PDB file of N, CA and C in Angstrom:
ATOM      1  N   MET A   1     146.239  49.264  17.091  1.00  0.00           N
ATOM      2  CA  MET A   1     146.961  49.923  16.034  1.00  0.00           C
ATOM      3  C   MET A   1     147.032  48.970  14.840  1.00  0.00           C
ATOM      4  N   SER A   2     146.888  49.523  13.633  1.00  0.00           N
ATOM      5  CA  SER A   2     146.966  48.695  12.434  1.00  0.00           C
ATOM      6  C   SER A   2     147.696  49.438  11.332  1.00  0.00           C
ATOM      7  N   VAL A   3     148.284  48.676  10.422  1.00  0.00           N
ATOM      8  CA  VAL A   3     148.948  49.257   9.261  1.00  0.00           C
ATOM      9  C   VAL A   3     147.877  49.652   8.262  1.00  0.00           C
ATOM     10  N   VAL A   4     147.863  50.916   7.904  1.00  0.00           N
ATOM     11  CA  VAL A   4     146.850  51.426   6.982  1.00  0.00           C
ATOM     12  C   VAL A   4     147.336  51.361   5.538  1.00  0.00           C
ATOM     13  N   ALA A   5     148.615  51.640   5.336  1.00  0.00           N
ATOM     14  CA  ALA A   5     149.176  51.619   3.989  1.00  0.00           C
ATOM     15  C   ALA A   5     150.669  51.371   4.075  1.00  0.00           C
ATOM     16  N   GLN A   6     151.198  50.762   3.044  1.00  0.00           N
ATOM     17  CA  GLN A   6     152.642  50.548   2.969  1.00  0.00           C
ATOM     18  C   GLN A   6     153.066  50.764   1.527  1.00  0.00           C
ATOM     19  N   LEU A   7     154.081  51.608   1.368  1.00  0.00           N
ATOM     20  CA  LEU A   7     154.588  51.949   0.041  1.00  0.00           C
ATOM     21  C   LEU A   7     156.096  51.777   0.015  1.00  0.00           C
ATOM     22  N   PRO A   8     156.675  51.653  -1.170  1.00  0.00           N
ATOM     23  CA  PRO A   8     158.141  51.658  -1.242  1.00  0.00           C
ATOM     24  C   PRO A   8     158.680  53.007  -0.765  1.00  0.00           C
ATOM     25  N   ARG A   9     159.774  52.962  -0.002  1.00  0.00           N
ATOM     26  CA  ARG A   9     160.378  54.194   0.503  1.00  0.00           C
ATOM     27  C   ARG A   9     161.117  54.903  -0.623  1.00  0.00           C
ATOM     28  N   TYR A  10     160.876  56.208  -0.712  1.00  0.00           N
ATOM     29  CA  TYR A  10     161.616  57.055  -1.641  1.00  0.00           C
ATOM     30  C   TYR A  10     161.592  58.457  -1.076  1.00  0.00           C
ATOM     31  N   ASP A  11     162.757  59.020  -0.793  1.00  0.00           N
ATOM     32  CA  ASP A  11     162.802  60.367  -0.251  1.00  0.00           C
ATOM     33  C   ASP A  11     163.840  61.200  -0.982  1.00  0.00           C
ATOM     34  N   VAL A  12     163.542  62.479  -1.062  1.00  0.00           N
ATOM     35  CA  VAL A  12     164.387  63.450  -1.754  1.00  0.00           C
ATOM     36  C   VAL A  12     164.498  64.671  -0.848  1.00  0.00           C
ATOM     37  N   GLN A  13     165.671  65.303  -0.843  1.00  0.00           N
ATOM     38  CA  GLN A  13     165.866  66.504  -0.042  1.00  0.00           C
ATOM     39  C   GLN A  13     166.350  67.644  -0.929  1.00  0.00           C
ATOM     40  N   ILE A  14     165.846  68.830  -0.631  1.00  0.00           N
ATOM     41  CA  ILE A  14     166.285  70.064  -1.282  1.00  0.00           C
ATOM     42  C   ILE A  14     167.075  70.852  -0.239  1.00  0.00           C
ATOM     43  N   PHE A  15     168.274  71.276  -0.597  1.00  0.00           N
ATOM     44  CA  PHE A  15     169.106  72.114   0.272  1.00  0.00           C
ATOM     45  C   PHE A  15     169.168  73.499  -0.348  1.00  0.00           C
ATOM     46  N   VAL A  16     168.671  74.497   0.369  1.00  0.00           N
ATOM     47  CA  VAL A  16     168.596  75.848  -0.180  1.00  0.00           C
ATOM     48  C   VAL A  16     168.991  76.863   0.889  1.00  0.00           C
ATOM     49  N   GLY A  17     169.756  77.863   0.493  1.00  0.00           N
ATOM     50  CA  GLY A  17     170.154  78.927   1.402  1.00  0.00           C
ATOM     51  C   GLY A  17     169.053  79.954   1.551  1.00  0.00           C
ATOM     52  N   THR A  18     169.222  80.812   2.553  1.00  0.00           N
ATOM     53  CA  THR A  18     168.255  81.888   2.762  1.00  0.00           C
ATOM     54  C   THR A  18     168.879  83.271   2.641  1.00  0.00           C
ATOM     55  N   GLN A  19     170.198  83.325   2.409  1.00  0.00           N
ATOM     56  CA  GLN A  19     170.866  84.614   2.219  1.00  0.00           C
ATOM     57  C   GLN A  19     170.473  85.147   0.856  1.00  0.00           C
ATOM     58  N   ILE A  20     170.146  86.412   0.786  1.00  0.00           N
ATOM     59  CA  ILE A  20     169.709  87.011  -0.472  1.00  0.00           C
ATOM     60  C   ILE A  20     170.935  87.265  -1.332  1.00  0.00           C
ATOM     61  N   GLY A  21     171.133  86.392  -2.339  1.00  0.00           N
ATOM     62  CA  GLY A  21     172.326  86.484  -3.176  1.00  0.00           C
ATOM     63  C   GLY A  21     173.560  86.446  -2.305  1.00  0.00           C
ATOM     64  N   TYR A  22     174.437  87.403  -2.510  1.00  0.00           N
ATOM     65  CA  TYR A  22     175.638  87.525  -1.689  1.00  0.00           C
ATOM     66  C   TYR A  22     175.616  88.823  -0.884  1.00  0.00           C
ATOM     67  N   THR A  23     174.388  89.259  -0.549  1.00  0.00           N
ATOM     68  CA  THR A  23     174.229  90.464   0.264  1.00  0.00           C
ATOM     69  C   THR A  23     174.287  90.073   1.744  1.00  0.00           C
ATOM     70  N   GLU A  24     174.045  91.040   2.617  1.00  0.00           N
ATOM     71  CA  GLU A  24     174.010  90.785   4.057  1.00  0.00           C
ATOM     72  C   GLU A  24     172.594  90.501   4.544  1.00  0.00           C
ATOM     73  N   ASP A  25     171.621  90.419   3.648  1.00  0.00           N
ATOM     74  CA  ASP A  25     170.221  90.216   4.014  1.00  0.00           C
ATOM     75  C   ASP A  25     169.824  88.747   3.865  1.00  0.00           C
ATOM     76  N   PHE A  26     168.840  88.351   4.680  1.00  0.00           N
ATOM     77  CA  PHE A  26     168.397  86.958   4.697  1.00  0.00           C
ATOM     78  C   PHE A  26     166.878  86.862   4.651  1.00  0.00           C
ATOM     79  N   HIS A  27     166.386  85.789   4.044  1.00  0.00           N
ATOM     80  CA  HIS A  27     164.978  85.419   4.168  1.00  0.00           C
ATOM     81  C   HIS A  27     164.831  84.600   5.445  1.00  0.00           C
ATOM     82  N   THR A  28     163.606  84.441   5.910  1.00  0.00           N
ATOM     83  CA  THR A  28     163.352  83.691   7.139  1.00  0.00           C
ATOM     84  C   THR A  28     162.854  82.282   6.823  1.00  0.00           C
ATOM     85  N   ILE A  29     162.907  81.422   7.827  1.00  0.00           N
ATOM     86  CA  ILE A  29     162.368  80.068   7.672  1.00  0.00           C
ATOM     87  C   ILE A  29     160.866  80.131   7.424  1.00  0.00           C
ATOM     88  N   PHE A  30     160.208  81.188   7.898  1.00  0.00           N
ATOM     89  CA  PHE A  30     158.772  81.347   7.667  1.00  0.00           C
ATOM     90  C   PHE A  30     158.482  81.558   6.185  1.00  0.00           C
ATOM     91  N   GLU A  31     159.388  82.235   5.489  1.00  0.00           N
ATOM     92  CA  GLU A  31     159.222  82.408   4.050  1.00  0.00           C
ATOM     93  C   GLU A  31     159.405  81.079   3.327  1.00  0.00           C
ATOM     94  N   VAL A  32     160.370  80.276   3.790  1.00  0.00           N
ATOM     95  CA  VAL A  32     160.550  78.923   3.235  1.00  0.00           C
ATOM     96  C   VAL A  32     159.262  78.133   3.440  1.00  0.00           C
ATOM     97  N   ASP A  33     158.749  78.160   4.670  1.00  0.00           N
ATOM     98  CA  ASP A  33     157.511  77.439   4.991  1.00  0.00           C
ATOM     99  C   ASP A  33     156.371  77.875   4.081  1.00  0.00           C
ATOM    100  N   ASN A  34     156.225  79.175   3.875  1.00  0.00           N
ATOM    101  CA  ASN A  34     155.113  79.674   3.063  1.00  0.00           C
ATOM    102  C   ASN A  34     155.211  79.227   1.611  1.00  0.00           C
ATOM    103  N   ILE A  35     156.414  79.233   1.053  1.00  0.00           N
ATOM    104  CA  ILE A  35     156.595  78.754  -0.318  1.00  0.00           C
ATOM    105  C   ILE A  35     156.215  77.267  -0.390  1.00  0.00           C
ATOM    106  N   CYS A  36     156.652  76.503   0.607  1.00  0.00           N
ATOM    107  CA  CYS A  36     156.342  75.073   0.639  1.00  0.00           C
ATOM    108  C   CYS A  36     154.848  74.827   0.832  1.00  0.00           C
ATOM    109  N   LYS A  37     154.212  75.581   1.721  1.00  0.00           N
ATOM    110  CA  LYS A  37     152.772  75.420   1.963  1.00  0.00           C
ATOM    111  C   LYS A  37     151.979  75.662   0.684  1.00  0.00           C
ATOM    112  N   GLU A  38     152.331  76.722  -0.012  1.00  0.00           N
ATOM    113  CA  GLU A  38     151.634  77.046  -1.262  1.00  0.00           C
ATOM    114  C   GLU A  38     151.794  75.904  -2.273  1.00  0.00           C
ATOM    115  N   TYR A  39     153.004  75.381  -2.397  1.00  0.00           N
ATOM    116  CA  TYR A  39     153.253  74.291  -3.337  1.00  0.00           C
ATOM    117  C   TYR A  39     152.490  73.027  -2.918  1.00  0.00           C
ATOM    118  N   CYS A  40     152.507  72.717  -1.633  1.00  0.00           N
ATOM    119  CA  CYS A  40     151.827  71.516  -1.128  1.00  0.00           C
ATOM    120  C   CYS A  40     150.322  71.580  -1.353  1.00  0.00           C
ATOM    121  N   GLU A  41     149.729  72.736  -1.127  1.00  0.00           N
ATOM    122  CA  GLU A  41     148.291  72.889  -1.360  1.00  0.00           C
ATOM    123  C   GLU A  41     147.953  72.708  -2.836  1.00  0.00           C
ATOM    124  N   GLU A  42     148.770  73.286  -3.685  1.00  0.00           N
ATOM    125  CA  GLU A  42     148.518  73.224  -5.128  1.00  0.00           C
ATOM    126  C   GLU A  42     148.693  71.813  -5.682  1.00  0.00           C
ATOM    127  N   HIS A  43     149.668  71.069  -5.154  1.00  0.00           N
ATOM    128  CA  HIS A  43     150.019  69.768  -5.731  1.00  0.00           C
ATOM    129  C   HIS A  43     149.654  68.571  -4.872  1.00  0.00           C
ATOM    130  N   LYS A  44     149.028  68.803  -3.726  1.00  0.00           N
ATOM    131  CA  LYS A  44     148.582  67.731  -2.827  1.00  0.00           C
ATOM    132  C   LYS A  44     149.711  66.777  -2.449  1.00  0.00           C
ATOM    133  N   ILE A  45     150.805  67.369  -1.936  1.00  0.00           N
ATOM    134  CA  ILE A  45     151.925  66.587  -1.416  1.00  0.00           C
ATOM    135  C   ILE A  45     152.240  67.094  -0.018  1.00  0.00           C
ATOM    136  N   ALA A  46     153.082  66.369   0.691  1.00  0.00           N
ATOM    137  CA  ALA A  46     153.524  66.783   2.022  1.00  0.00           C
ATOM    138  C   ALA A  46     155.044  66.882   2.022  1.00  0.00           C
ATOM    139  N   VAL A  47     155.570  67.895   2.727  1.00  0.00           N
ATOM    140  CA  VAL A  47     157.018  68.072   2.835  1.00  0.00           C
ATOM    141  C   VAL A  47     157.385  68.384   4.281  1.00  0.00           C
ATOM    142  N   THR A  48     158.665  68.289   4.575  1.00  0.00           N
ATOM    143  CA  THR A  48     159.198  68.753   5.847  1.00  0.00           C
ATOM    144  C   THR A  48     160.086  69.958   5.567  1.00  0.00           C
ATOM    145  N   CYS A  49     160.172  70.871   6.510  1.00  0.00           N
ATOM    146  CA  CYS A  49     161.056  72.037   6.398  1.00  0.00           C
ATOM    147  C   CYS A  49     161.871  72.140   7.674  1.00  0.00           C
ATOM    148  N   SER A  50     163.186  72.154   7.538  1.00  0.00           N
ATOM    149  CA  SER A  50     164.074  72.257   8.695  1.00  0.00           C
ATOM    150  C   SER A  50     165.096  73.352   8.455  1.00  0.00           C
ATOM    151  N   LEU A  51     165.341  74.131   9.494  1.00  0.00           N
ATOM    152  CA  LEU A  51     166.391  75.148   9.454  1.00  0.00           C
ATOM    153  C   LEU A  51     167.745  74.451   9.547  1.00  0.00           C
ATOM    154  N   THR A  52     168.718  74.928   8.789  1.00  0.00           N
ATOM    155  CA  THR A  52     170.065  74.354   8.842  1.00  0.00           C
ATOM    156  C   THR A  52     171.092  75.462   8.671  1.00  0.00           C
ATOM    157  N   LYS A  53     172.337  75.122   8.843  1.00  0.00           N
ATOM    158  CA  LYS A  53     173.434  76.059   8.602  1.00  0.00           C
ATOM    159  C   LYS A  53     174.420  75.377   7.662  1.00  0.00           C
ATOM    160  N   PHE A  54     174.793  76.074   6.600  1.00  0.00           N
ATOM    161  CA  PHE A  54     175.805  75.590   5.667  1.00  0.00           C
ATOM    162  C   PHE A  54     177.136  76.221   6.059  1.00  0.00           C
ATOM    163  N   ILE A  55     178.150  75.415   6.224  1.00  0.00           N
ATOM    164  CA  ILE A  55     179.493  75.896   6.522  1.00  0.00           C
ATOM    165  C   ILE A  55     180.392  75.440   5.386  1.00  0.00           C
ATOM    166  N   TYR A  56     181.107  76.385   4.792  1.00  0.00           N
ATOM    167  CA  TYR A  56     181.928  76.091   3.622  1.00  0.00           C
ATOM    168  C   TYR A  56     183.193  76.941   3.679  1.00  0.00           C
ATOM    169  N   PRO A  57     184.186  76.629   2.852  1.00  0.00           N
ATOM    170  CA  PRO A  57     185.418  77.431   2.864  1.00  0.00           C
ATOM    171  C   PRO A  57     185.095  78.906   2.631  1.00  0.00           C
ATOM    172  N   GLY A  58     185.494  79.746   3.553  1.00  0.00           N
ATOM    173  CA  GLY A  58     185.290  81.181   3.402  1.00  0.00           C
ATOM    174  C   GLY A  58     183.984  81.711   3.961  1.00  0.00           C
ATOM    175  N   GLY A  59     183.171  80.863   4.571  1.00  0.00           N
ATOM    176  CA  GLY A  59     181.943  81.419   5.107  1.00  0.00           C
ATOM    177  C   GLY A  59     180.957  80.401   5.618  1.00  0.00           C
ATOM    178  N   GLU A  60     179.802  80.932   5.939  1.00  0.00           N
ATOM    179  CA  GLU A  60     178.686  80.117   6.393  1.00  0.00           C
ATOM    180  C   GLU A  60     177.399  80.855   6.073  1.00  0.00           C
ATOM    181  N   GLU A  61     176.296  80.117   6.074  1.00  0.00           N
ATOM    182  CA  GLU A  61     175.015  80.694   5.697  1.00  0.00           C
ATOM    183  C   GLU A  61     173.888  79.875   6.301  1.00  0.00           C
ATOM    184  N   GLN A  62     172.841  80.566   6.745  1.00  0.00           N
ATOM    185  CA  GLN A  62     171.635  79.880   7.177  1.00  0.00           C
ATOM    186  C   GLN A  62     170.891  79.367   5.944  1.00  0.00           C
ATOM    187  N   GLY A  63     170.161  78.299   6.120  1.00  0.00           N
ATOM    188  CA  GLY A  63     169.398  77.759   5.013  1.00  0.00           C
ATOM    189  C   GLY A  63     168.327  76.817   5.501  1.00  0.00           C
ATOM    190  N   ALA A  64     167.799  76.042   4.579  1.00  0.00           N
ATOM    191  CA  ALA A  64     166.732  75.100   4.906  1.00  0.00           C
ATOM    192  C   ALA A  64     166.948  73.797   4.159  1.00  0.00           C
ATOM    193  N   ILE A  65     166.455  72.738   4.772  1.00  0.00           N
ATOM    194  CA  ILE A  65     166.378  71.440   4.115  1.00  0.00           C
ATOM    195  C   ILE A  65     164.894  71.128   3.981  1.00  0.00           C
ATOM    196  N   VAL A  66     164.461  70.908   2.759  1.00  0.00           N
ATOM    197  CA  VAL A  66     163.067  70.566   2.495  1.00  0.00           C
ATOM    198  C   VAL A  66     163.038  69.109   2.060  1.00  0.00           C
ATOM    199  N   GLY A  67     162.289  68.304   2.782  1.00  0.00           N
ATOM    200  CA  GLY A  67     162.225  66.876   2.500  1.00  0.00           C
ATOM    201  C   GLY A  67     160.915  66.485   1.848  1.00  0.00           C
ATOM    202  N   LEU A  68     161.021  65.655   0.826  1.00  0.00           N
ATOM    203  CA  LEU A  68     159.844  65.098   0.153  1.00  0.00           C
ATOM    204  C   LEU A  68     159.918  63.583   0.273  1.00  0.00           C
ATOM    205  N   ILE A  69     158.792  62.961   0.586  1.00  0.00           N
ATOM    206  CA  ILE A  69     158.756  61.504   0.702  1.00  0.00           C
ATOM    207  C   ILE A  69     157.557  60.962  -0.065  1.00  0.00           C
ATOM    208  N   ASN A  70     157.578  59.673  -0.277  1.00  0.00           N
ATOM    209  CA  ASN A  70     156.414  58.995  -0.837  1.00  0.00           C
ATOM    210  C   ASN A  70     155.466  58.719   0.327  1.00  0.00           C
ATOM    211  N   TYR A  71     154.702  59.719   0.707  1.00  0.00           N
ATOM    212  CA  TYR A  71     153.831  59.674   1.879  1.00  0.00           C
ATOM    213  C   TYR A  71     152.549  58.910   1.534  1.00  0.00           C
ATOM    214  N   PRO A  72     152.179  57.897   2.310  1.00  0.00           N
ATOM    215  CA  PRO A  72     151.028  57.062   1.966  1.00  0.00           C
ATOM    216  C   PRO A  72     149.696  57.805   1.807  1.00  0.00           C
ATOM    217  N   ARG A  73     149.514  58.936   2.493  1.00  0.00           N
ATOM    218  CA  ARG A  73     148.267  59.699   2.298  1.00  0.00           C
ATOM    219  C   ARG A  73     148.204  60.332   0.921  1.00  0.00           C
ATOM    220  N   PHE A  74     149.372  60.639   0.360  1.00  0.00           N
ATOM    221  CA  PHE A  74     149.462  61.242  -0.971  1.00  0.00           C
ATOM    222  C   PHE A  74     150.489  60.459  -1.782  1.00  0.00           C
ATOM    223  N   PRO A  75     150.196  59.207  -2.142  1.00  0.00           N
ATOM    224  CA  PRO A  75     151.211  58.355  -2.781  1.00  0.00           C
ATOM    225  C   PRO A  75     151.659  58.893  -4.135  1.00  0.00           C
ATOM    226  N   SER A  76     152.948  58.735  -4.395  1.00  0.00           N
ATOM    227  CA  SER A  76     153.555  59.163  -5.658  1.00  0.00           C
ATOM    228  C   SER A  76     154.626  58.155  -6.044  1.00  0.00           C
ATOM    229  N   SER A  77     154.922  58.112  -7.307  1.00  0.00           N
ATOM    230  CA  SER A  77     156.037  57.286  -7.771  1.00  0.00           C
ATOM    231  C   SER A  77     157.348  58.014  -7.472  1.00  0.00           C
ATOM    232  N   ALA A  78     158.448  57.300  -7.554  1.00  0.00           N
ATOM    233  CA  ALA A  78     159.762  57.922  -7.363  1.00  0.00           C
ATOM    234  C   ALA A  78     159.967  59.052  -8.365  1.00  0.00           C
ATOM    235  N   THR A  79     159.540  58.847  -9.577  1.00  0.00           N
ATOM    236  CA  THR A  79     159.670  59.885 -10.613  1.00  0.00           C
ATOM    237  C   THR A  79     158.862  61.119 -10.244  1.00  0.00           C
ATOM    238  N   GLU A  80     157.657  60.917  -9.733  1.00  0.00           N
ATOM    239  CA  GLU A  80     156.810  62.054  -9.345  1.00  0.00           C
ATOM    240  C   GLU A  80     157.407  62.813  -8.161  1.00  0.00           C
ATOM    241  N   VAL A  81     157.934  62.090  -7.184  1.00  0.00           N
ATOM    242  CA  VAL A  81     158.563  62.750  -6.034  1.00  0.00           C
ATOM    243  C   VAL A  81     159.740  63.601  -6.506  1.00  0.00           C
ATOM    244  N   THR A  82     160.563  63.042  -7.392  1.00  0.00           N
ATOM    245  CA  THR A  82     161.718  63.784  -7.917  1.00  0.00           C
ATOM    246  C   THR A  82     161.265  64.993  -8.729  1.00  0.00           C
ATOM    247  N   LEU A  83     160.252  64.836  -9.542  1.00  0.00           N
ATOM    248  CA  LEU A  83     159.726  65.963 -10.322  1.00  0.00           C
ATOM    249  C   LEU A  83     159.220  67.067  -9.396  1.00  0.00           C
ATOM    250  N   HIS A  84     158.507  66.696  -8.334  1.00  0.00           N
ATOM    251  CA  HIS A  84     158.056  67.700  -7.365  1.00  0.00           C
ATOM    252  C   HIS A  84     159.256  68.415  -6.737  1.00  0.00           C
ATOM    253  N   ALA A  85     160.317  67.673  -6.463  1.00  0.00           N
ATOM    254  CA  ALA A  85     161.512  68.287  -5.874  1.00  0.00           C
ATOM    255  C   ALA A  85     162.097  69.335  -6.816  1.00  0.00           C
ATOM    256  N   TYR A  86     162.198  69.028  -8.104  1.00  0.00           N
ATOM    257  CA  TYR A  86     162.697  70.002  -9.075  1.00  0.00           C
ATOM    258  C   TYR A  86     161.803  71.237  -9.109  1.00  0.00           C
ATOM    259  N   GLN A  87     160.500  71.025  -9.194  1.00  0.00           N
ATOM    260  CA  GLN A  87     159.573  72.155  -9.292  1.00  0.00           C
ATOM    261  C   GLN A  87     159.615  73.025  -8.035  1.00  0.00           C
ATOM    262  N   LEU A  88     159.620  72.378  -6.880  1.00  0.00           N
ATOM    263  CA  LEU A  88     159.666  73.134  -5.632  1.00  0.00           C
ATOM    264  C   LEU A  88     161.014  73.822  -5.452  1.00  0.00           C
ATOM    265  N   ALA A  89     162.091  73.176  -5.871  1.00  0.00           N
ATOM    266  CA  ALA A  89     163.424  73.795  -5.772  1.00  0.00           C
ATOM    267  C   ALA A  89     163.472  75.090  -6.580  1.00  0.00           C
ATOM    268  N   TYR A  90     162.919  75.079  -7.778  1.00  0.00           N
ATOM    269  CA  TYR A  90     162.921  76.308  -8.584  1.00  0.00           C
ATOM    270  C   TYR A  90     162.070  77.394  -7.928  1.00  0.00           C
ATOM    271  N   LYS A  91     160.939  77.019  -7.335  1.00  0.00           N
ATOM    272  CA  LYS A  91     160.119  78.008  -6.626  1.00  0.00           C
ATOM    273  C   LYS A  91     160.871  78.578  -5.423  1.00  0.00           C
ATOM    274  N   LEU A  92     161.580  77.711  -4.705  1.00  0.00           N
ATOM    275  CA  LEU A  92     162.369  78.174  -3.562  1.00  0.00           C
ATOM    276  C   LEU A  92     163.503  79.091  -4.016  1.00  0.00           C
ATOM    277  N   MET A  93     164.202  78.738  -5.077  1.00  0.00           N
ATOM    278  CA  MET A  93     165.290  79.604  -5.554  1.00  0.00           C
ATOM    279  C   MET A  93     164.752  80.974  -5.940  1.00  0.00           C
ATOM    280  N   ASP A  94     163.635  81.007  -6.661  1.00  0.00           N
ATOM    281  CA  ASP A  94     163.052  82.294  -7.054  1.00  0.00           C
ATOM    282  C   ASP A  94     162.580  83.079  -5.836  1.00  0.00           C
ATOM    283  N   GLY A  95     161.853  82.425  -4.948  1.00  0.00           N
ATOM    284  CA  GLY A  95     161.283  83.105  -3.791  1.00  0.00           C
ATOM    285  C   GLY A  95     162.301  83.541  -2.752  1.00  0.00           C
ATOM    286  N   LEU A  96     163.459  82.849  -2.723  1.00  0.00           N
ATOM    287  CA  LEU A  96     164.492  83.158  -1.727  1.00  0.00           C
ATOM    288  C   LEU A  96     165.715  83.844  -2.331  1.00  0.00           C
ATOM    289  N   ASP A  97     165.612  84.256  -3.596  1.00  0.00           N
ATOM    290  CA  ASP A  97     166.704  84.966  -4.277  1.00  0.00           C
ATOM    291  C   ASP A  97     167.999  84.161  -4.264  1.00  0.00           C
ATOM    292  N   GLN A  98     167.901  82.889  -4.597  1.00  0.00           N
ATOM    293  CA  GLN A  98     169.066  82.013  -4.591  1.00  0.00           C
ATOM    294  C   GLN A  98     169.567  81.765  -6.001  1.00  0.00           C
ATOM    295  N   PHE A  99     170.878  81.743  -6.152  1.00  0.00           N
ATOM    296  CA  PHE A  99     171.484  81.445  -7.440  1.00  0.00           C
ATOM    297  C   PHE A  99     171.615  79.934  -7.642  1.00  0.00           C
ATOM    298  N   ARG A 100     171.816  79.190  -6.543  1.00  0.00           N
ATOM    299  CA  ARG A 100     171.971  77.737  -6.626  1.00  0.00           C
ATOM    300  C   ARG A 100     171.235  77.054  -5.487  1.00  0.00           C
ATOM    301  N   CYS A 101     170.886  75.792  -5.716  1.00  0.00           N
ATOM    302  CA  CYS A 101     170.443  74.901  -4.651  1.00  0.00           C
ATOM    303  C   CYS A 101     170.724  73.473  -5.090  1.00  0.00           C
ATOM    304  N   SER A 102     170.652  72.556  -4.147  1.00  0.00           N
ATOM    305  CA  SER A 102     170.960  71.154  -4.437  1.00  0.00           C
ATOM    306  C   SER A 102     169.769  70.273  -4.121  1.00  0.00           C
ATOM    307  N   ILE A 103     169.636  69.221  -4.918  1.00  0.00           N
ATOM    308  CA  ILE A 103     168.634  68.195  -4.682  1.00  0.00           C
ATOM    309  C   ILE A 103     169.378  66.882  -4.470  1.00  0.00           C
ATOM    310  N   PHE A 104     169.074  66.216  -3.374  1.00  0.00           N
ATOM    311  CA  PHE A 104     169.654  64.904  -3.083  1.00  0.00           C
ATOM    312  C   PHE A 104     168.574  63.849  -3.286  1.00  0.00           C
ATOM    313  N   THR A 105     168.805  62.908  -4.206  1.00  0.00           N
ATOM    314  CA  THR A 105     167.928  61.749  -4.369  1.00  0.00           C
ATOM    315  C   THR A 105     168.664  60.552  -3.776  1.00  0.00           C
ATOM    316  N   PRO A 106     168.047  59.400  -3.701  1.00  0.00           N
ATOM    317  CA  PRO A 106     168.778  58.235  -3.190  1.00  0.00           C
ATOM    318  C   PRO A 106     170.016  57.868  -4.000  1.00  0.00           C
ATOM    319  N   THR A 107     170.093  58.321  -5.249  1.00  0.00           N
ATOM    320  CA  THR A 107     171.226  57.935  -6.101  1.00  0.00           C
ATOM    321  C   THR A 107     172.066  59.088  -6.614  1.00  0.00           C
ATOM    322  N   ASP A 108     171.559  60.323  -6.566  1.00  0.00           N
ATOM    323  CA  ASP A 108     172.252  61.447  -7.198  1.00  0.00           C
ATOM    324  C   ASP A 108     172.197  62.706  -6.337  1.00  0.00           C
ATOM    325  N   ILE A 109     173.148  63.602  -6.594  1.00  0.00           N
ATOM    326  CA  ILE A 109     173.115  64.964  -6.071  1.00  0.00           C
ATOM    327  C   ILE A 109     173.083  65.875  -7.290  1.00  0.00           C
ATOM    328  N   ILE A 110     172.057  66.713  -7.367  1.00  0.00           N
ATOM    329  CA  ILE A 110     171.871  67.583  -8.523  1.00  0.00           C
ATOM    330  C   ILE A 110     172.044  69.024  -8.072  1.00  0.00           C
ATOM    331  N   LEU A 111     172.925  69.772  -8.736  1.00  0.00           N
ATOM    332  CA  LEU A 111     173.111  71.190  -8.457  1.00  0.00           C
ATOM    333  C   LEU A 111     172.333  71.974  -9.498  1.00  0.00           C
ATOM    334  N   LEU A 112     171.392  72.792  -9.037  1.00  0.00           N
ATOM    335  CA  LEU A 112     170.597  73.621  -9.939  1.00  0.00           C
ATOM    336  C   LEU A 112     171.088  75.058  -9.872  1.00  0.00           C
ATOM    337  N   GLU A 113     171.007  75.763 -10.989  1.00  0.00           N
ATOM    338  CA  GLU A 113     171.311  77.191 -11.020  1.00  0.00           C
ATOM    339  C   GLU A 113     170.095  77.942 -11.528  1.00  0.00           C
ATOM    340  N   ASN A 114     169.882  79.103 -10.971  1.00  0.00           N
ATOM    341  CA  ASN A 114     168.734  79.935 -11.292  1.00  0.00           C
ATOM    342  C   ASN A 114     169.130  80.956 -12.355  1.00  0.00           C
ATOM    343  N   ASP A 115     168.641  80.770 -13.560  1.00  0.00           N
ATOM    344  CA  ASP A 115     168.951  81.686 -14.660  1.00  0.00           C
ATOM    345  C   ASP A 115     168.186  83.003 -14.559  1.00  0.00           C
ATOM    346  N   CYS A 116     167.213  83.073 -13.644  1.00  0.00           N
ATOM    347  CA  CYS A 116     166.361  84.251 -13.543  1.00  0.00           C
ATOM    348  C   CYS A 116     166.775  85.219 -12.436  1.00  0.00           C
ATOM    349  N   ILE A 117     167.843  84.894 -11.705  1.00  0.00           N
ATOM    350  CA  ILE A 117     168.215  85.743 -10.569  1.00  0.00           C
ATOM    351  C   ILE A 117     168.795  87.070 -11.056  1.00  0.00           C
ATOM    352  N   ASP A 118     168.560  88.104 -10.297  1.00  0.00           N
ATOM    353  CA  ASP A 118     169.080  89.429 -10.602  1.00  0.00           C
ATOM    354  C   ASP A 118     170.598  89.410 -10.539  1.00  0.00           C
ATOM    355  N   PRO A 119     171.292  89.692 -11.627  1.00  0.00           N
ATOM    356  CA  PRO A 119     172.768  89.629 -11.623  1.00  0.00           C
ATOM    357  C   PRO A 119     173.408  90.565 -10.605  1.00  0.00           C
ATOM    358  N   GLU A 120     172.700  91.606 -10.176  1.00  0.00           N
ATOM    359  CA  GLU A 120     173.229  92.538  -9.184  1.00  0.00           C
ATOM    360  C   GLU A 120     173.428  91.860  -7.822  1.00  0.00           C
ATOM    361  N   LEU A 121     172.723  90.753  -7.578  1.00  0.00           N
ATOM    362  CA  LEU A 121     172.847  90.057  -6.299  1.00  0.00           C
ATOM    363  C   LEU A 121     174.036  89.115  -6.272  1.00  0.00           C
ATOM    364  N   ILE A 122     174.660  88.894  -7.425  1.00  0.00           N
ATOM    365  CA  ILE A 122     175.757  87.933  -7.503  1.00  0.00           C
ATOM    366  C   ILE A 122     177.084  88.646  -7.306  1.00  0.00           C
ATOM    367  N   ASP A 123     177.847  88.219  -6.329  1.00  0.00           N
ATOM    368  CA  ASP A 123     179.164  88.770  -6.068  1.00  0.00           C
ATOM    369  C   ASP A 123     180.137  88.268  -7.132  1.00  0.00           C
ATOM    370  N   ARG A 124     180.730  89.151  -7.884  1.00  0.00           N
ATOM    371  CA  ARG A 124     181.616  88.733  -8.974  1.00  0.00           C
ATOM    372  C   ARG A 124     183.101  88.888  -8.612  1.00  0.00           C
ATOM    373  N   THR A 125     183.400  89.113  -7.337  1.00  0.00           N
ATOM    374  CA  THR A 125     184.810  89.287  -6.942  1.00  0.00           C
ATOM    375  C   THR A 125     185.468  87.974  -6.645  1.00  0.00           C
TER     376      THR A 125
END
């Protein structure tokens, strides 16, 4: 066994729900995977996709955690990894009918809002 490559560690995570707006309908983890696969093929990056559950005051929701790293087969700078996270997060929000999602970097937590979501999906009560 030998070390083939070594890069500085930099990882970013996207936290996104799968509930369609505030309705009773949900997207599947397979839809999350497909959005990620399409993005990875187009941009030559690698990601992880994990099913998760968000528990918060007043409810809970299924969702996904999408991880991006500085993978040695497809090396990127920290800035590039973060930029990919923003771009993929917006694709996930659009594809999964999400109003918000979060990006965790090593130093920050960023809350994104989707200005393009159908207002009918947003519970205003």
